[in-house]
Amino acid sequence: MRKFRTVDLTLAAMFVALMAIGANITSWAPFLQVAGVPLSMGPFFAILAGLLLGSRLGAFSLLVYTLVGAAGVPVFAKFGAGFGAVFGPTGGFILSYIAAAYAAGKIVELKKSPGFGTFLIASLVGIVLVYFLGTNYMFFVSNGKLGYAAAWEIMTWFMVKDFVFTILGAIIAPRLYRAVSRSAAVGRKQSA
């Protein structure tokens, strides 16, 4: 198993920062809420981390994001932090980001030269994982106070936005992937 290099850790840290910004977009645009739940760019950046960094580093960056927030740094939506946020109703989405980044990255890694189709499939698998894991977690944490159909109905508002951003991410990912791959290759040459 290959160790992370400085360039890898820098890219991972960049995605931790992007996740913190994306989770708190409603702090700068408070009208971006549905039923008091903030719209977030978290799924977009989580999947993009997997697409660009690969399964291992992408999942690692989202794990670090989760641990930083659980430790008390206000990086979750509405500047939330702590274990309460991770184990609360929307905590399943935070945890699902790790799985989504890993799955999206793994699909891209299967192709030697991934194109738009690969990035689109990887992105869609990632967003389906986010919603499947996050919504089911929300339902179970509510202890039956929220019906299963009601949980999915609430999430419908967010799904539309996230599927649009997922497709946009798949469109921009190939160009970004090539740029990140080139910078990683330069980092490998310099560390050799």
C-alpha atoms as a PDB file:
ATOM      1  CA  MET A   1       0.000   0.000   0.000  1.00  0.00           C
ATOM      2  CA  ARG A   2       1.468   3.303  -1.142  1.00  0.00           C
ATOM      3  CA  LYS A   3       1.931   6.120   1.385  1.00  0.00           C
ATOM      4  CA  PHE A   4       0.377   9.521   0.866  1.00  0.00           C
ATOM      5  CA  ARG A   5       2.786  12.120  -0.481  1.00  0.00           C
ATOM      6  CA  THR A   6       2.818  15.838   0.308  1.00  0.00           C
ATOM      7  CA  VAL A   7       0.873  16.632  -2.863  1.00  0.00           C
ATOM      8  CA  ASP A   8      -1.752  14.016  -1.894  1.00  0.00           C
ATOM      9  CA  LEU A   9      -2.196  15.502   1.573  1.00  0.00           C
ATOM     10  CA  THR A  10      -2.425  18.996   0.089  1.00  0.00           C
ATOM     11  CA  LEU A  11      -5.190  17.894  -2.288  1.00  0.00           C
ATOM     12  CA  ALA A  12      -7.000  16.121   0.549  1.00  0.00           C
ATOM     13  CA  ALA A  13      -6.784  19.250   2.720  1.00  0.00           C
ATOM     14  CA  MET A  14      -8.170  21.296  -0.164  1.00  0.00           C
ATOM     15  CA  PHE A  15     -11.243  19.054  -0.270  1.00  0.00           C
ATOM     16  CA  VAL A  16     -11.691  19.277   3.509  1.00  0.00           C
ATOM     17  CA  ALA A  17     -11.801  23.073   3.073  1.00  0.00           C
ATOM     18  CA  LEU A  18     -14.149  22.839   0.071  1.00  0.00           C
ATOM     19  CA  MET A  19     -16.486  20.590   2.066  1.00  0.00           C
ATOM     20  CA  ALA A  20     -16.558  23.105   4.947  1.00  0.00           C
ATOM     21  CA  ILE A  21     -17.365  25.936   2.532  1.00  0.00           C
ATOM     22  CA  GLY A  22     -19.923  23.875   0.613  1.00  0.00           C
ATOM     23  CA  ALA A  23     -21.683  22.748   3.785  1.00  0.00           C
ATOM     24  CA  ASN A  24     -22.108  26.342   4.920  1.00  0.00           C
ATOM     25  CA  ILE A  25     -23.235  27.961   1.684  1.00  0.00           C
ATOM     26  CA  THR A  26     -26.550  28.866   3.375  1.00  0.00           C
ATOM     27  CA  SER A  27     -24.667  30.987   5.905  1.00  0.00           C
ATOM     28  CA  TRP A  28     -23.953  33.383   3.065  1.00  0.00           C
ATOM     29  CA  ALA A  29     -27.256  32.759   1.277  1.00  0.00           C
ATOM     30  CA  PRO A  30     -29.821  32.018   4.014  1.00  0.00           C
ATOM     31  CA  PHE A  31     -32.687  31.728   1.517  1.00  0.00           C
ATOM     32  CA  LEU A  32     -31.209  28.399   0.327  1.00  0.00           C
ATOM     33  CA  GLN A  33     -33.150  26.280   2.822  1.00  0.00           C
ATOM     34  CA  VAL A  34     -36.047  23.857   2.511  1.00  0.00           C
ATOM     35  CA  ALA A  35     -38.203  23.335   5.625  1.00  0.00           C
ATOM     36  CA  GLY A  36     -35.380  24.758   7.751  1.00  0.00           C
ATOM     37  CA  VAL A  37     -32.849  22.280   6.351  1.00  0.00           C
ATOM     38  CA  PRO A  38     -29.968  24.000   4.547  1.00  0.00           C
ATOM     39  CA  LEU A  39     -29.119  23.149   0.974  1.00  0.00           C
ATOM     40  CA  SER A  40     -25.536  22.023   0.879  1.00  0.00           C
ATOM     41  CA  MET A  41     -22.824  21.579  -1.700  1.00  0.00           C
ATOM     42  CA  GLY A  42     -21.482  18.662   0.363  1.00  0.00           C
ATOM     43  CA  PRO A  43     -22.580  15.900  -2.023  1.00  0.00           C
ATOM     44  CA  PHE A  44     -21.048  17.761  -4.972  1.00  0.00           C
ATOM     45  CA  PHE A  45     -17.637  18.166  -3.330  1.00  0.00           C
ATOM     46  CA  ALA A  46     -17.671  14.669  -1.800  1.00  0.00           C
ATOM     47  CA  ILE A  47     -18.217  13.036  -5.175  1.00  0.00           C
ATOM     48  CA  LEU A  48     -15.753  15.383  -6.857  1.00  0.00           C
ATOM     49  CA  ALA A  49     -13.142  14.355  -4.261  1.00  0.00           C
ATOM     50  CA  GLY A  50     -13.574  10.726  -5.280  1.00  0.00           C
ATOM     51  CA  LEU A  51     -13.518  11.518  -8.991  1.00  0.00           C
ATOM     52  CA  LEU A  52     -10.356  13.603  -8.812  1.00  0.00           C
ATOM     53  CA  LEU A  53      -8.387  12.065  -5.958  1.00  0.00           C
ATOM     54  CA  GLY A  54      -9.332   8.423  -6.382  1.00  0.00           C
ATOM     55  CA  SER A  55     -11.011   6.036  -3.998  1.00  0.00           C
ATOM     56  CA  ARG A  56      -8.393   5.938  -1.272  1.00  0.00           C
ATOM     57  CA  LEU A  57      -7.403   9.603  -1.068  1.00  0.00           C
ATOM     58  CA  GLY A  58     -10.936  10.836  -1.771  1.00  0.00           C
ATOM     59  CA  ALA A  59     -12.386   8.736   1.053  1.00  0.00           C
ATOM     60  CA  PHE A  60      -9.488   9.769   3.309  1.00  0.00           C
ATOM     61  CA  SER A  61     -10.199  13.468   2.712  1.00  0.00           C
ATOM     62  CA  LEU A  62     -13.873  12.967   3.642  1.00  0.00           C
ATOM     63  CA  LEU A  63     -12.914  10.923   6.697  1.00  0.00           C
ATOM     64  CA  VAL A  64     -10.669  13.799   7.816  1.00  0.00           C
ATOM     65  CA  TYR A  65     -13.538  16.248   7.211  1.00  0.00           C
ATOM     66  CA  THR A  66     -15.833  14.099   9.366  1.00  0.00           C
ATOM     67  CA  LEU A  67     -13.260  13.734  12.152  1.00  0.00           C
ATOM     68  CA  VAL A  68     -12.455  17.460  12.133  1.00  0.00           C
ATOM     69  CA  GLY A  69     -16.157  18.254  12.501  1.00  0.00           C
ATOM     70  CA  ALA A  70     -16.704  15.565  15.141  1.00  0.00           C
ATOM     71  CA  ALA A  71     -13.760  17.000  17.106  1.00  0.00           C
ATOM     72  CA  GLY A  72     -15.596  20.318  17.362  1.00  0.00           C
ATOM     73  CA  VAL A  73     -14.478  22.422  14.417  1.00  0.00           C
ATOM     74  CA  PRO A  74     -17.627  24.008  12.906  1.00  0.00           C
ATOM     75  CA  VAL A  75     -17.371  22.574   9.395  1.00  0.00           C
ATOM     76  CA  PHE A  76     -20.807  20.942   9.089  1.00  0.00           C
ATOM     77  CA  ALA A  77     -23.949  22.687   7.787  1.00  0.00           C
ATOM     78  CA  LYS A  78     -24.998  25.788   9.762  1.00  0.00           C
ATOM     79  CA  PHE A  79     -21.483  25.744  11.245  1.00  0.00           C
ATOM     80  CA  GLY A  80     -22.395  22.615  13.178  1.00  0.00           C
ATOM     81  CA  ALA A  81     -19.814  20.471  14.904  1.00  0.00           C
ATOM     82  CA  GLY A  82     -19.393  17.658  17.375  1.00  0.00           C
ATOM     83  CA  PHE A  83     -20.508  14.072  17.661  1.00  0.00           C
ATOM     84  CA  GLY A  84     -24.118  15.245  17.974  1.00  0.00           C
ATOM     85  CA  ALA A  85     -24.025  16.406  14.359  1.00  0.00           C
ATOM     86  CA  VAL A  86     -22.574  13.090  13.186  1.00  0.00           C
ATOM     87  CA  PHE A  87     -25.073  11.018  15.149  1.00  0.00           C
ATOM     88  CA  GLY A  88     -28.045  13.355  14.579  1.00  0.00           C
ATOM     89  CA  PRO A  89     -30.671  13.104  11.824  1.00  0.00           C
ATOM     90  CA  THR A  90     -28.421  14.426   9.048  1.00  0.00           C
ATOM     91  CA  GLY A  91     -25.307  12.602  10.260  1.00  0.00           C
ATOM     92  CA  GLY A  92     -25.941   9.797   7.794  1.00  0.00           C
ATOM     93  CA  PHE A  93     -25.262  12.212   4.976  1.00  0.00           C
ATOM     94  CA  ILE A  94     -21.960  13.250   6.543  1.00  0.00           C
ATOM     95  CA  LEU A  95     -20.945   9.594   6.865  1.00  0.00           C
ATOM     96  CA  SER A  96     -22.255   8.744   3.390  1.00  0.00           C
ATOM     97  CA  TYR A  97     -19.814  11.213   1.839  1.00  0.00           C
ATOM     98  CA  ILE A  98     -16.940   8.866   2.683  1.00  0.00           C
ATOM     99  CA  ALA A  99     -18.632   5.939   0.909  1.00  0.00           C
ATOM    100  CA  ALA A 100     -19.632   8.111  -2.064  1.00  0.00           C
ATOM    101  CA  ALA A 101     -16.089   9.416  -2.557  1.00  0.00           C
ATOM    102  CA  TYR A 102     -14.694   5.896  -2.323  1.00  0.00           C
ATOM    103  CA  ALA A 103     -17.210   4.398  -4.778  1.00  0.00           C
ATOM    104  CA  ALA A 104     -16.898   7.239  -7.306  1.00  0.00           C
ATOM    105  CA  GLY A 105     -13.116   7.057  -7.156  1.00  0.00           C
ATOM    106  CA  LYS A 106     -13.092   3.276  -7.528  1.00  0.00           C
ATOM    107  CA  ILE A 107     -15.235   3.438 -10.682  1.00  0.00           C
ATOM    108  CA  VAL A 108     -12.901   6.030 -12.249  1.00  0.00           C
ATOM    109  CA  GLU A 109      -9.872   3.895 -11.328  1.00  0.00           C
ATOM    110  CA  LEU A 110     -11.282   0.958 -13.286  1.00  0.00           C
ATOM    111  CA  LYS A 111     -10.606   2.803 -16.561  1.00  0.00           C
ATOM    112  CA  LYS A 112      -7.119   3.527 -17.798  1.00  0.00           C
ATOM    113  CA  SER A 113      -8.320   6.659 -19.602  1.00  0.00           C
ATOM    114  CA  PRO A 114     -11.703   7.637 -18.124  1.00  0.00           C
ATOM    115  CA  GLY A 115     -14.008   9.777 -20.212  1.00  0.00           C
ATOM    116  CA  PHE A 116     -17.258  11.618 -19.595  1.00  0.00           C
ATOM    117  CA  GLY A 117     -19.315   8.403 -19.472  1.00  0.00           C
ATOM    118  CA  THR A 118     -17.133   6.963 -16.705  1.00  0.00           C
ATOM    119  CA  PHE A 119     -17.302  10.189 -14.703  1.00  0.00           C
ATOM    120  CA  LEU A 120     -21.079  10.363 -15.158  1.00  0.00           C
ATOM    121  CA  ILE A 121     -21.630   6.778 -13.989  1.00  0.00           C
ATOM    122  CA  ALA A 122     -19.257   7.280 -11.044  1.00  0.00           C
ATOM    123  CA  SER A 123     -21.034  10.505 -10.070  1.00  0.00           C
ATOM    124  CA  LEU A 124     -24.488   8.948 -10.274  1.00  0.00           C
ATOM    125  CA  VAL A 125     -23.405   5.955  -8.184  1.00  0.00           C
ATOM    126  CA  GLY A 126     -21.976   8.406  -5.641  1.00  0.00           C
ATOM    127  CA  ILE A 127     -25.155  10.483  -5.366  1.00  0.00           C
ATOM    128  CA  VAL A 128     -27.340   7.375  -5.102  1.00  0.00           C
ATOM    129  CA  LEU A 129     -25.140   6.191  -2.207  1.00  0.00           C
ATOM    130  CA  VAL A 130     -25.405   9.595  -0.497  1.00  0.00           C
ATOM    131  CA  TYR A 131     -29.194   9.522  -0.628  1.00  0.00           C
ATOM    132  CA  PHE A 132     -29.632   5.838   0.133  1.00  0.00           C
ATOM    133  CA  LEU A 133     -27.360   5.900   3.189  1.00  0.00           C
ATOM    134  CA  GLY A 134     -28.266   9.399   4.374  1.00  0.00           C
ATOM    135  CA  THR A 135     -32.047   9.103   4.075  1.00  0.00           C
ATOM    136  CA  ASN A 136     -32.186   5.639   5.636  1.00  0.00           C
ATOM    137  CA  TYR A 137     -29.974   6.855   8.498  1.00  0.00           C
ATOM    138  CA  MET A 138     -32.281   9.863   8.990  1.00  0.00           C
ATOM    139  CA  PHE A 139     -35.295   7.555   9.128  1.00  0.00           C
ATOM    140  CA  PHE A 140     -33.717   5.219  11.700  1.00  0.00           C
ATOM    141  CA  VAL A 141     -32.419   8.072  13.884  1.00  0.00           C
ATOM    142  CA  SER A 142     -35.915   9.610  14.000  1.00  0.00           C
ATOM    143  CA  ASN A 143     -37.114   6.478  15.889  1.00  0.00           C
ATOM    144  CA  GLY A 144     -40.247   6.226  13.799  1.00  0.00           C
ATOM    145  CA  LYS A 145     -41.288   9.865  14.346  1.00  0.00           C
ATOM    146  CA  LEU A 146     -40.661  10.404  10.675  1.00  0.00           C
ATOM    147  CA  GLY A 147     -42.275   7.865   8.364  1.00  0.00           C
ATOM    148  CA  TYR A 148     -40.143   6.190   5.737  1.00  0.00           C
ATOM    149  CA  ALA A 149     -42.108   7.721   2.852  1.00  0.00           C
ATOM    150  CA  ALA A 150     -42.000  11.133   4.565  1.00  0.00           C
ATOM    151  CA  ALA A 151     -38.199  10.931   4.887  1.00  0.00           C
ATOM    152  CA  TRP A 152     -37.858  10.313   1.163  1.00  0.00           C
ATOM    153  CA  GLU A 153     -40.427  12.999   0.370  1.00  0.00           C
ATOM    154  CA  ILE A 154     -38.452  15.591   2.332  1.00  0.00           C
ATOM    155  CA  MET A 155     -35.264  14.602   0.512  1.00  0.00           C
ATOM    156  CA  THR A 156     -36.906  15.016  -2.914  1.00  0.00           C
ATOM    157  CA  TRP A 157     -36.319  18.770  -2.719  1.00  0.00           C
ATOM    158  CA  PHE A 158     -32.620  18.215  -2.232  1.00  0.00           C
ATOM    159  CA  MET A 159     -32.321  15.416  -4.813  1.00  0.00           C
ATOM    160  CA  VAL A 160     -33.197  17.680  -7.720  1.00  0.00           C
ATOM    161  CA  LYS A 161     -30.421  20.121  -6.832  1.00  0.00           C
ATOM    162  CA  ASP A 162     -27.911  17.359  -6.139  1.00  0.00           C
ATOM    163  CA  PHE A 163     -28.602  15.427  -9.349  1.00  0.00           C
ATOM    164  CA  VAL A 164     -28.134  18.635 -11.377  1.00  0.00           C
ATOM    165  CA  PHE A 165     -24.853  19.360  -9.591  1.00  0.00           C
ATOM    166  CA  THR A 166     -23.797  15.720  -9.975  1.00  0.00           C
ATOM    167  CA  ILE A 167     -24.166  15.985 -13.740  1.00  0.00           C
ATOM    168  CA  LEU A 168     -22.310  19.321 -13.776  1.00  0.00           C
ATOM    169  CA  GLY A 169     -19.550  17.695 -11.740  1.00  0.00           C
ATOM    170  CA  ALA A 170     -19.299  14.859 -14.264  1.00  0.00           C
ATOM    171  CA  ILE A 171     -19.017  17.441 -17.053  1.00  0.00           C
ATOM    172  CA  ILE A 172     -16.158  19.381 -15.451  1.00  0.00           C
ATOM    173  CA  ALA A 173     -14.410  16.370 -13.887  1.00  0.00           C
ATOM    174  CA  PRO A 174     -12.502  15.104 -16.969  1.00  0.00           C
ATOM    175  CA  ARG A 175     -10.609  18.374 -17.406  1.00  0.00           C
ATOM    176  CA  LEU A 176      -9.929  18.717 -13.674  1.00  0.00           C
ATOM    177  CA  TYR A 177      -8.906  15.058 -13.502  1.00  0.00           C
ATOM    178  CA  ARG A 178      -6.241  15.592 -16.162  1.00  0.00           C
ATOM    179  CA  ALA A 179      -4.919  18.679 -14.328  1.00  0.00           C
ATOM    180  CA  VAL A 180      -4.795  16.873 -10.967  1.00  0.00           C
ATOM    181  CA  SER A 181      -3.162  13.831 -12.606  1.00  0.00           C
ATOM    182  CA  ARG A 182      -0.479  16.049 -14.143  1.00  0.00           C
ATOM    183  CA  SER A 183       0.241  17.773 -10.826  1.00  0.00           C
ATOM    184  CA  ALA A 184       0.388  14.401  -9.063  1.00  0.00           C
ATOM    185  CA  ALA A 185       2.807  13.127 -11.724  1.00  0.00           C
ATOM    186  CA  VAL A 186       5.021  16.179 -11.183  1.00  0.00           C
ATOM    187  CA  GLY A 187       4.918  15.485  -7.422  1.00  0.00           C
ATOM    188  CA  ARG A 188       5.980  11.865  -8.042  1.00  0.00           C
ATOM    189  CA  LYS A 189       8.946  12.968 -10.161  1.00  0.00           C
ATOM    190  CA  GLN A 190      10.090  15.521  -7.567  1.00  0.00           C
ATOM    191  CA  SER A 191       9.849  13.050  -4.677  1.00  0.00           C
ATOM    192  CA  ALA A 192      11.801  10.384  -6.588  1.00  0.00           C
END
